N, C-alpha and C. Protein backbone atom coordinates (compact mmCIF):
# COMPACT_ATOMS: atom_id res chain seq x y z
N UNK A 1 -15.58 5.14 0.42
CA UNK A 1 -14.41 3.90 0.45
C UNK A 1 -13.30 3.53 -0.05
N UNK A 2 -12.33 3.46 1.26
CA UNK A 2 -11.29 4.08 0.07
C UNK A 2 -10.77 2.31 -0.42
N UNK A 3 -9.97 2.52 -1.45
CA UNK A 3 -9.68 1.49 -1.92
C UNK A 3 -8.93 0.43 -1.11
N UNK A 4 -9.89 -1.40 -1.07
CA UNK A 4 -8.05 -1.93 -0.32
C UNK A 4 -7.63 -2.57 -1.08
N UNK A 5 -7.88 -3.35 -2.37
CA UNK A 5 -7.69 -3.80 -3.34
C UNK A 5 -6.18 -3.35 -4.51
N UNK A 6 -5.15 -3.86 -4.71
CA UNK A 6 -4.11 -2.80 -5.59
C UNK A 6 -3.81 -4.08 -6.42
N UNK A 7 -3.52 -3.65 -7.46
CA UNK A 7 -2.22 -4.21 -8.03
C UNK A 7 -2.52 -5.04 -8.71
N UNK A 8 -1.92 -5.88 -8.12
CA UNK A 8 -1.92 -7.58 -8.64
C UNK A 8 -2.50 -8.36 -7.85
N UNK A 9 -3.30 -8.08 -6.95
CA UNK A 9 -4.55 -8.46 -5.88
C UNK A 9 -5.81 -8.73 -6.93
N UNK A 10 -5.79 -7.24 -8.08
CA UNK A 10 -6.70 -6.59 -8.92
C UNK A 10 -7.36 -7.53 -9.70
N UNK A 11 -5.90 -7.94 -10.33
CA UNK A 11 -5.40 -8.99 -11.61
C UNK A 11 -5.97 -10.08 -11.52
N UNK A 12 -5.74 -10.51 -10.06
CA UNK A 12 -5.46 -11.87 -9.91
C UNK A 12 -7.42 -12.07 -10.04
N UNK A 13 -8.46 -10.99 -9.28
CA UNK A 13 -9.08 -11.14 -9.22
C UNK A 13 -10.36 -11.59 -10.26
N UNK A 14 -9.78 -10.50 -10.48
CA UNK A 14 -10.48 -10.53 -12.22
C UNK A 14 -10.62 -11.59 -13.28
N UNK A 15 -9.28 -12.49 -13.37
CA UNK A 15 -8.45 -13.34 -13.96
C UNK A 15 -9.56 -14.72 -13.48
N UNK A 16 -9.69 -14.23 -11.60
CA UNK A 16 -10.08 -15.96 -11.28
C UNK A 16 -11.39 -15.61 -11.50
N UNK A 17 -12.28 -15.15 -11.00
CA UNK A 17 -13.52 -14.41 -11.84
C UNK A 17 -14.05 -14.49 -12.34
N UNK A 18 -13.49 -13.47 -13.53
CA UNK A 18 -13.98 -14.08 -15.26
C UNK A 18 -13.83 -15.43 -15.34
N UNK A 19 -12.55 -16.60 -15.34
CA UNK A 19 -11.97 -17.41 -15.56
C UNK A 19 -13.55 -18.14 -14.65
N UNK A 20 -14.01 -17.89 -13.49
CA UNK A 20 -15.45 -18.71 -12.88
C UNK A 20 -16.76 -18.40 -13.49
N UNK A 21 -16.45 -17.30 -13.65
CA UNK A 21 -17.89 -16.89 -14.82
C UNK A 21 -17.92 -17.95 -15.50
N UNK A 22 -17.16 -17.84 -16.30
CA UNK A 22 -16.67 -18.18 -17.72
C UNK A 22 -17.51 -19.45 -17.58
N UNK A 23 -17.81 -20.64 -16.61
CA UNK A 23 -18.04 -22.02 -16.61
C UNK A 23 -19.51 -22.09 -16.69
N UNK A 24 -20.07 -20.28 -16.06
CA UNK A 24 -21.70 -20.33 -16.28
C UNK A 24 -22.15 -20.95 -18.00
N UNK A 25 -21.07 -20.62 -19.09
CA UNK A 25 -21.40 -21.01 -20.30
C UNK A 25 -20.93 -21.19 -21.32
N UNK A 26 -19.45 -22.38 -20.36
CA UNK A 26 -19.01 -23.54 -21.82
C UNK A 26 -18.78 -24.74 -20.03
N UNK A 27 -17.85 -25.56 -20.05
CA UNK A 27 -17.68 -26.01 -19.55
C UNK A 27 -19.23 -26.91 -19.22
N UNK A 28 -18.84 -26.78 -17.14
CA UNK A 28 -20.16 -27.60 -16.96
C UNK A 28 -21.02 -26.74 -16.90
N UNK A 29 -21.62 -25.64 -17.06
CA UNK A 29 -22.95 -24.52 -16.59
C UNK A 29 -23.40 -24.58 -15.46
N UNK A 30 -22.91 -25.00 -14.94
CA UNK A 30 -22.74 -24.86 -13.80
C UNK A 30 -23.69 -23.24 -12.97
N UNK A 31 -24.99 -23.27 -12.35
CA UNK A 31 -25.14 -21.85 -12.04
C UNK A 31 -24.13 -21.74 -10.25
N UNK A 32 -23.66 -22.10 -10.24
CA UNK A 32 -22.67 -22.02 -9.37
C UNK A 32 -21.53 -20.65 -9.35
N UNK A 33 -21.07 -21.29 -11.20
CA UNK A 33 -20.23 -20.81 -11.12
C UNK A 33 -20.31 -19.10 -11.42
N UNK A 34 -21.06 -17.84 -10.93
CA UNK A 34 -21.80 -17.57 -10.85
C UNK A 34 -21.46 -16.48 -9.57
N UNK A 35 -20.96 -17.81 -8.96
CA UNK A 35 -20.30 -17.19 -7.70
C UNK A 35 -19.40 -16.29 -8.13
N UNK A 36 -18.03 -16.83 -9.12
CA UNK A 36 -17.46 -15.93 -9.61
C UNK A 36 -17.40 -14.68 -9.73
N UNK A 37 -18.84 -13.91 -10.04
CA UNK A 37 -18.96 -12.95 -9.71
C UNK A 37 -17.89 -11.55 -8.32
N UNK A 38 -18.07 -12.71 -6.99
CA UNK A 38 -17.53 -12.08 -6.01
C UNK A 38 -15.58 -11.25 -6.66
N UNK A 39 -15.08 -12.54 -7.08
CA UNK A 39 -13.48 -11.70 -7.02
C UNK A 39 -13.92 -10.74 -8.76
N UNK A 40 -14.75 -11.48 -9.73
CA UNK A 40 -14.86 -10.02 -10.67
C UNK A 40 -15.38 -9.07 -10.35
N UNK A 41 -15.82 -8.56 -9.33
CA UNK A 41 -16.39 -7.17 -9.14
C UNK A 41 -15.91 -6.41 -7.88
N UNK A 42 -15.14 -7.42 -6.99
CA UNK A 42 -13.94 -7.01 -5.68
C UNK A 42 -12.98 -6.55 -6.81
N UNK A 43 -12.91 -7.24 -7.69
CA UNK A 43 -11.31 -6.91 -8.55
C UNK A 43 -11.64 -5.20 -9.66
N UNK A 44 -12.62 -4.97 -9.88
CA UNK A 44 -13.17 -4.08 -11.32
C UNK A 44 -12.96 -3.01 -9.80
N UNK A 45 -13.93 -3.60 -8.78
CA UNK A 45 -14.00 -1.56 -7.63
C UNK A 45 -12.71 -1.94 -6.69
N UNK A 46 -11.96 -2.07 -6.45
CA UNK A 46 -10.95 -1.85 -5.98
C UNK A 46 -11.06 -1.88 -4.51
N UNK A 47 -12.42 -2.77 -3.95
CA UNK A 47 -12.79 -2.72 -2.63
C UNK A 47 -13.13 -3.89 -2.60
N UNK A 48 -12.70 -4.94 -1.02
CA UNK A 48 -13.49 -6.01 -0.48
C UNK A 48 -13.82 -5.73 0.63
N UNK A 49 -15.12 -5.76 0.83
CA UNK A 49 -15.93 -6.32 1.93
C UNK A 49 -15.27 -6.83 2.73
N UNK A 50 -14.57 -8.40 2.99
CA UNK A 50 -14.06 -9.07 4.27
C UNK A 50 -12.47 -8.39 4.66
N UNK A 51 -12.49 -8.51 3.74
CA UNK A 51 -11.09 -7.03 3.97
C UNK A 51 -10.66 -5.63 4.93
N UNK A 52 -11.65 -4.97 4.33
CA UNK A 52 -12.71 -3.87 4.58
C UNK A 52 -13.07 -4.33 6.97
N UNK A 53 -13.31 -4.96 7.09
CA UNK A 53 -14.04 -5.68 8.20
C UNK A 53 -12.49 -6.29 8.84
N UNK A 54 -11.78 -6.27 8.42
CA UNK A 54 -10.61 -7.36 9.26
C UNK A 54 -9.35 -6.89 9.28
N UNK A 55 -10.10 -5.11 8.02
CA UNK A 55 -8.69 -4.26 8.63
C UNK A 55 -7.04 -3.86 7.61
N UNK A 56 -7.82 -4.96 7.02
CA UNK A 56 -6.65 -5.70 5.61
C UNK A 56 -6.70 -4.97 4.66
N UNK A 57 -5.35 -4.77 4.14
CA UNK A 57 -5.49 -3.60 2.84
C UNK A 57 -4.21 -4.90 2.29
N UNK A 58 -3.93 -4.80 0.04
CA UNK A 58 -2.97 -4.96 -0.38
C UNK A 58 -2.42 -3.66 -0.74
N UNK A 59 -3.19 -2.57 -0.31
CA UNK A 59 -2.68 -1.22 -1.49
C UNK A 59 -1.96 -0.41 -0.43
N UNK A 60 -0.24 -0.23 -1.14
CA UNK A 60 0.87 0.04 -0.20
C UNK A 60 0.36 1.19 0.16
N UNK A 61 0.95 1.97 1.76
CA UNK A 61 0.79 3.12 2.51
C UNK A 61 1.29 4.54 2.26
N UNK A 62 1.08 5.44 2.39
CA UNK A 62 1.94 6.40 1.70
C UNK A 62 1.34 7.56 3.02
N UNK A 63 1.66 7.52 3.88
CA UNK A 63 1.75 7.96 4.93
C UNK A 63 0.27 8.02 5.54
N UNK A 64 0.12 9.23 5.91
CA UNK A 64 -1.42 9.39 5.80
C UNK A 64 -2.93 9.24 5.00
N UNK A 65 -2.57 9.52 3.97
CA UNK A 65 -3.88 10.14 3.14
C UNK A 65 -3.57 8.82 1.88
N UNK A 66 -3.29 6.71 2.63
CA UNK A 66 -3.54 6.22 1.22
C UNK A 66 -5.22 6.57 0.72
């Protein structure tokens, strides 16, 4: 798996994911808040399956070996 989520995108995913997951414990306390695990995990891992399927990447390419 090549990383396809880098820098700012990763930080935003982690922040948004953690914020959404926190709603499961505080605030409206809905189980829907666990959907925040998706951006949280993709931010932590650095790989997003939909990006891979669509051939997208937020990482800068460095020649042929990104």
